[in-house]
Protein backbone atom coordinates (compact mmCIF):
# COMPACT_ATOMS: atom_id res chain seq x y z
CA MET A 1 -199.86 191.32 -40.78
CA SER A 2 -198.14 193.02 -43.75
CA GLU A 3 -197.76 191.23 -47.33
CA SER A 4 -194.27 190.42 -48.57
CA SER A 5 -192.65 192.57 -50.82
CA LEU A 6 -190.17 190.10 -51.58
CA PRO A 7 -190.03 186.66 -53.48
CA LEU A 8 -189.13 184.33 -50.68
CA THR A 9 -191.12 181.34 -50.70
CA ALA A 10 -188.74 178.26 -49.98
CA VAL A 11 -190.07 174.73 -49.71
CA PRO A 12 -187.62 172.37 -47.05
CA ASP A 13 -186.74 168.73 -48.59
CA SER A 14 -186.48 166.10 -46.41
CA ALA A 15 -182.75 166.10 -45.92
CA GLY A 16 -183.31 169.35 -44.40
CA GLY A 17 -182.09 171.60 -47.45
CA ALA A 18 -184.43 173.55 -49.50
CA VAL A 19 -185.44 172.56 -53.02
CA PRO A 20 -184.71 175.75 -55.63
CA GLY A 21 -187.27 178.45 -55.07
CA PRO A 22 -187.63 181.99 -55.29
CA GLY A 23 -185.74 182.16 -51.46
CA GLN A 24 -182.60 180.56 -52.72
CA ALA A 25 -181.92 183.63 -54.51
CA LEU A 26 -182.39 185.23 -51.28
CA LEU A 27 -179.63 182.55 -49.34
CA ARG A 28 -177.10 182.54 -52.21
CA SER A 29 -176.33 186.29 -51.79
CA LEU A 30 -176.64 186.09 -48.29
CA THR A 31 -174.28 182.82 -48.02
CA PRO A 32 -170.91 184.53 -47.71
CA LEU A 33 -171.95 186.96 -45.74
CA LEU A 34 -173.45 184.77 -43.11
CA ALA A 35 -170.26 182.04 -43.27
CA GLU A 36 -168.49 185.24 -42.10
CA TRP A 37 -170.48 186.63 -39.45
CA LEU A 38 -172.49 183.78 -38.31
CA PRO A 39 -169.53 182.15 -36.34
CA ARG A 40 -167.82 185.28 -34.49
CA GLN A 41 -171.63 185.28 -32.91
CA ARG A 42 -171.36 184.07 -29.08
CA TRP A 43 -174.17 181.61 -29.84
CA PHE A 44 -172.57 179.35 -32.28
CA ALA A 45 -172.32 176.29 -31.39
CA GLY A 46 -170.18 175.18 -34.36
CA LYS A 47 -166.87 177.23 -33.90
CA GLY A 48 -163.66 175.51 -35.05
CA ARG A 49 -165.59 173.86 -38.09
CA PRO A 50 -165.46 175.46 -41.31
CA ILE A 51 -169.63 176.33 -43.14
CA SER A 52 -169.93 174.20 -46.10
CA GLY A 53 -173.13 175.84 -47.11
CA PHE A 54 -176.53 176.46 -45.33
CA GLY A 55 -179.58 174.87 -45.79
CA LEU A 56 -182.86 177.42 -45.86
CA VAL A 57 -185.41 176.20 -43.91
CA SER A 58 -188.08 179.15 -43.54
CA VAL A 59 -187.70 182.68 -44.27
CA THR A 60 -190.53 185.10 -43.26
CA GLU A 61 -190.68 188.84 -43.70
CA LEU A 62 -191.94 190.19 -40.06
CA LEU A 63 -191.57 193.57 -41.92
CA PRO A 64 -191.58 194.76 -45.64
CA CYS A 65 -188.16 194.62 -46.81
CA ALA A 66 -189.08 197.29 -49.35
CA ALA A 67 -186.51 199.41 -51.50
CA GLY A 68 -185.99 203.42 -51.66
CA GLY A 69 -187.87 204.44 -48.43
CA ALA A 70 -186.14 205.27 -44.52
CA ALA A 71 -187.91 202.64 -42.67
CA PRO A 72 -185.98 199.11 -41.88
CA GLY A 73 -187.58 195.89 -43.21
CA LEU A 74 -187.46 192.33 -40.85
CA LEU A 75 -186.71 188.95 -42.05
CA HIS A 76 -186.73 185.96 -39.84
CA LEU A 77 -184.77 183.14 -41.04
CA LEU A 78 -184.38 179.34 -39.82
CA LEU A 79 -181.41 177.66 -41.85
CA ARG A 80 -179.10 174.90 -40.92
CA ALA A 81 -175.72 175.42 -40.77
CA ARG A 82 -173.47 172.39 -42.77
CA GLN A 83 -170.29 171.74 -41.21
CA PRO A 84 -167.92 168.91 -40.67
CA ALA A 85 -168.94 166.98 -37.69
CA PRO A 86 -167.73 167.49 -34.61
CA PRO A 87 -164.45 165.03 -33.52
CA ALA A 88 -165.40 161.99 -32.35
CA ALA A 89 -165.11 160.63 -28.62
CA PRO A 90 -161.88 158.95 -27.87
CA GLY A 91 -161.44 155.62 -26.03
CA PRO A 92 -163.36 152.40 -25.97
CA SER A 93 -165.94 154.00 -23.20
CA ALA A 94 -167.37 156.43 -25.77
CA ALA A 95 -171.14 156.05 -27.22
CA PRO A 96 -171.35 153.90 -30.38
CA ALA A 97 -172.83 157.38 -31.77
CA GLN A 98 -169.90 159.36 -30.28
CA ARG A 99 -167.12 157.01 -31.81
CA HIS A 100 -168.53 156.79 -35.06
CA ALA A 101 -169.69 160.44 -35.65
CA PRO A 102 -171.30 161.01 -39.11
CA GLY A 103 -169.61 162.85 -42.09
CA SER A 104 -171.34 166.79 -41.46
CA SER A 105 -174.09 168.12 -39.02
CA ALA A 106 -176.14 170.77 -39.81
CA ASP A 107 -177.71 172.78 -37.27
CA CYS A 108 -180.91 174.74 -37.09
CA TYR A 109 -180.00 178.57 -35.99
CA GLN A 110 -182.78 181.77 -35.80
CA LEU A 111 -181.39 184.71 -37.17
CA LEU A 112 -184.00 188.06 -37.24
CA LEU A 113 -182.10 190.54 -40.23
CA GLY A 114 -182.43 194.44 -40.45
CA VAL A 115 -182.73 195.38 -43.34
CA ARG A 116 -181.99 199.54 -44.78
CA ASP A 117 -180.56 201.08 -48.21
CA VAL A 118 -179.08 203.41 -44.99
CA LEU A 119 -177.44 202.30 -41.94
CA PRO A 120 -178.03 204.84 -39.43
CA PRO A 121 -174.66 205.66 -37.51
CA PRO A 122 -175.64 203.73 -34.52
CA LEU A 123 -176.20 200.81 -36.07
CA ALA A 124 -172.69 200.44 -37.76
CA GLN A 125 -171.56 197.91 -35.31
CA ALA A 126 -174.58 195.83 -36.14
CA LEU A 127 -173.94 195.38 -39.92
CA ILE A 128 -173.31 192.03 -41.60
CA GLY A 129 -173.07 193.07 -44.73
CA ARG A 130 -174.53 194.18 -48.35
CA PRO A 131 -175.36 191.44 -50.35
CA THR A 132 -174.09 191.03 -53.94
CA GLY A 133 -177.20 189.79 -56.08
CA GLY A 134 -180.40 188.86 -54.77
CA PRO A 135 -183.68 190.60 -53.38
CA LEU A 136 -181.44 192.69 -51.11
CA ASN A 137 -178.97 193.55 -53.66
CA GLY A 138 -176.46 196.24 -52.55
CA ARG A 139 -178.56 197.14 -49.05
CA ALA A 140 -177.47 196.47 -45.53
CA VAL A 141 -178.12 193.85 -43.95
CA TYR A 142 -177.69 193.70 -39.92
CA GLU A 143 -178.72 192.08 -36.90
CA ALA A 144 -182.49 193.67 -35.89
CA LEU A 145 -182.20 193.10 -31.78
CA ASP A 146 -179.93 195.96 -31.87
CA ASP A 147 -182.29 198.09 -33.94
CA PRO A 148 -184.89 199.37 -31.17
CA ARG A 149 -187.57 199.98 -33.96
CA LEU A 150 -187.07 196.30 -34.77
CA ALA A 151 -186.59 194.70 -31.48
CA GLY A 152 -189.60 196.56 -30.71
CA LEU A 153 -192.06 195.17 -33.48
CA LEU A 154 -191.23 191.69 -32.00
CA LEU A 155 -193.16 192.98 -28.92
CA GLU A 156 -196.22 193.70 -30.90
CA ARG A 157 -196.52 190.86 -32.69
CA LEU A 158 -196.81 188.75 -29.58
CA ARG A 159 -199.21 191.38 -28.15
CA ALA A 160 -201.18 190.61 -31.23
CA PRO A 161 -201.53 186.56 -31.22
CA GLY A 162 -201.74 185.74 -34.97
CA LYS A 163 -199.74 183.71 -37.92
CA LEU A 164 -197.61 184.54 -40.38
CA GLY A 165 -196.41 182.10 -42.36
CA PRO A 166 -194.48 179.18 -40.43
CA LEU A 167 -194.47 181.44 -37.58
CA ARG A 168 -197.25 181.42 -34.65
CA PHE A 169 -197.46 184.25 -31.91
CA THR A 170 -199.08 182.87 -28.81
CA ARG A 171 -200.43 184.91 -25.89
CA GLU A 172 -201.48 183.84 -22.48
CA GLU A 173 -205.40 184.35 -22.29
CA THR A 174 -205.22 186.44 -19.14
CA ALA A 175 -201.92 188.80 -20.07
CA THR A 176 -202.23 192.42 -21.25
CA ILE A 177 -199.05 193.45 -22.69
CA PRO A 178 -198.51 197.52 -22.57
CA SER A 179 -197.27 199.05 -26.21
CA GLY A 180 -194.11 200.97 -26.32
CA LEU A 181 -191.87 199.70 -23.96
CA ALA A 182 -188.35 200.84 -24.80
CA PRO A 183 -186.41 197.62 -25.95
CA ARG A 184 -182.89 196.57 -24.34
CA PRO A 185 -180.54 193.69 -25.78
CA LEU A 186 -178.83 192.09 -23.28
CA THR A 187 -175.21 190.73 -24.29
CA ALA A 188 -174.32 188.21 -21.37
CA GLU A 189 -176.06 185.07 -22.56
CA GLN A 190 -173.21 182.62 -24.19
CA SER A 191 -176.30 180.80 -26.09
CA ASN A 192 -179.08 182.85 -26.43
CA SER A 193 -180.09 186.14 -27.09
CA SER A 194 -182.58 188.37 -24.57
CA VAL A 195 -184.16 192.01 -24.68
CA VAL A 196 -185.62 193.57 -21.89
CA TYR A 197 -188.62 195.95 -22.69
CA GLY A 198 -188.80 198.39 -20.01
CA SER A 199 -188.38 196.75 -16.90
CA ALA A 200 -191.27 194.54 -17.02
CA TYR A 201 -190.92 191.88 -19.25
CA ILE A 202 -187.85 189.88 -21.01
CA LEU A 203 -187.70 188.02 -24.22
CA LYS A 204 -185.58 185.17 -24.91
CA LEU A 205 -184.83 184.33 -28.31
CA PHE A 206 -183.32 180.62 -28.91
CA ARG A 207 -181.19 180.95 -31.19
CA ARG A 208 -180.15 176.91 -32.01
CA VAL A 209 -183.58 175.64 -32.61
CA GLY A 210 -184.48 171.91 -32.30
CA PRO A 211 -187.85 169.96 -32.55
CA GLY A 212 -190.45 170.14 -29.53
CA VAL A 213 -190.83 172.51 -27.13
CA ASN A 214 -188.15 174.21 -25.45
CA PRO A 215 -188.20 173.33 -21.89
CA ASP A 216 -187.68 176.91 -20.71
CA LEU A 217 -191.82 177.36 -22.13
CA GLU A 218 -192.77 173.63 -21.28
CA LEU A 219 -191.77 173.75 -17.49
CA PRO A 220 -192.70 177.18 -16.81
CA LEU A 221 -195.70 177.13 -18.13
CA ALA A 222 -196.49 173.83 -16.65
CA LEU A 223 -196.12 174.77 -13.24
CA ALA A 224 -198.16 178.14 -13.74
CA ARG A 225 -201.15 176.49 -14.70
CA HIS A 226 -201.47 173.46 -12.77
CA GLY A 227 -200.63 176.15 -10.09
CA SER A 228 -197.65 174.00 -8.41
CA PRO A 229 -196.15 174.77 -5.01
CA GLY A 230 -193.40 177.26 -5.48
CA ALA A 231 -194.74 178.33 -9.12
CA GLU A 232 -194.70 181.65 -7.48
CA ARG A 233 -190.90 181.66 -7.81
CA VAL A 234 -191.05 181.10 -11.33
CA PRO A 235 -191.89 183.96 -13.89
CA ALA A 236 -194.67 182.62 -15.79
CA PRO A 237 -194.48 183.17 -20.24
CA THR A 238 -196.50 185.88 -21.22
CA ALA A 239 -196.45 185.41 -24.92
CA TRP A 240 -194.47 183.04 -26.96
CA PHE A 241 -193.43 182.13 -30.48
CA GLU A 242 -192.81 179.22 -32.35
CA ALA A 243 -192.31 178.01 -36.22
CA VAL A 244 -194.09 175.03 -37.64
CA VAL A 245 -192.23 173.84 -40.51
CA ARG A 246 -192.33 171.07 -42.97
CA GLU A 247 -188.84 169.54 -42.65
CA ALA A 248 -188.95 166.54 -41.91
CA SER A 249 -185.75 166.30 -39.56
CA ALA A 250 -187.70 168.92 -37.58
CA GLY A 251 -190.15 166.34 -36.10
CA ALA A 252 -193.78 166.71 -36.07
CA GLY A 253 -194.34 169.38 -33.87
CA PRO A 254 -193.61 173.09 -33.39
CA LEU A 255 -189.90 174.64 -32.78
CA THR A 256 -190.19 177.04 -29.60
CA LEU A 257 -188.11 180.18 -31.04
CA GLY A 258 -188.83 182.75 -28.10
CA VAL A 259 -190.26 183.13 -24.81
CA LEU A 260 -191.95 186.64 -23.13
CA GLN A 261 -191.90 186.60 -19.12
CA PRO A 262 -191.77 189.14 -16.76
CA PHE A 263 -188.46 190.51 -15.91
CA LEU A 264 -186.64 189.81 -12.79
CA PRO A 265 -183.69 191.91 -12.41
CA GLY A 266 -180.78 189.07 -11.44
CA HIS A 267 -183.01 186.55 -12.75
CA ARG A 268 -181.97 182.80 -13.72
CA ASP A 269 -183.81 181.48 -16.82
CA GLY A 270 -187.00 180.08 -16.20
CA TRP A 271 -185.98 176.17 -16.80
CA GLN A 272 -183.80 176.58 -13.64
CA LEU A 273 -185.88 178.32 -11.63
CA ALA A 274 -188.31 175.57 -12.25
CA LEU A 275 -186.20 173.16 -11.67
CA ALA A 276 -185.39 175.03 -8.04
CA ALA A 277 -189.38 175.10 -7.55
CA LEU A 278 -189.40 171.31 -8.06
CA ALA A 279 -186.69 170.71 -5.77
CA GLY A 280 -188.19 172.85 -2.81
CA ARG A 281 -191.85 170.92 -3.73
CA ARG A 282 -189.78 167.59 -3.41
CA GLY A 283 -187.68 168.60 -0.14
C-alpha cells in the first residue's frame, strides 16, 4: 500500500472531535465545501438542521494525492457533522431521552473523496469544490464513487487483505475475487451507497457509521459460517472493511464501513434476507 503524500495525521479527542494537527489544515479547507455538499446527499441524516462544524475522526490516503499529474488521488474520511439536536418528541409519553434532547448531535459519516488537478468532463457532476488553502489548495475534490478508476481501487483493496492507517480490509479465506470488474454505482438506496462490480459483486458502503459490527455484516456472516437453515438464500459476505479508531465515543470495537457480497439482481440487503431466513427457520 502506498505511502501518504500529504501530511494528514489527526488524533481524535475524547469528545469526538480532534486535537490540532496536520490533518486539521485539510479539514479547515474542506469545511465550507462539505457544509454545502453534505446536506444535499440522500444519505445525510441531518437534513433541515444547520451544520455548525466538523470533527475529524480519521483521514487515510488510499491513493496518493500528489499534485502535478493526471492520475487521481483518493482520500477516505470519517468525520462528525456537528448540528443542533433534533427537536424533542412532544407529549408526556415520549421517553426521557426524547423529551430532553441534548443541545447538539454529531453523527459520524464516511466520505470517499477523489482528488484531481483537472476534472474530466464526465465527472463534472461529481464535483464537491476546490478548497482554498490546505494541502489540496485549488485542486478538484469530488465524489470518488463516480470515478470508475477509484471505485475499482476499492475492490482491489478488498482483494488484498491488509491494514492502512485505521482501516482494516478482510477477505473470507476461501473467497477468490477476480480483478478488473467494471464498477457501476447504484442510485436507488437512501441511507447507504452501493457499487456493483461486473455482474458478480455488490459493495455496500455505510455512510452513517456507528460503533460495533453492522448487522449487514454480522448476521449474514454468522448464518454462512454456522450453516444455518436458509443460509443459502443469503449472500455470504465475501470481504469487508472496518475502521479501528481511538475516539472514545466510537466504543471499543471496530466500525463497519463496507461489505462485499455476491450480487443478486433485485436483491434485498443482507440484513433483510437474513431476517427472512431466520423467520423461515422458525416457521
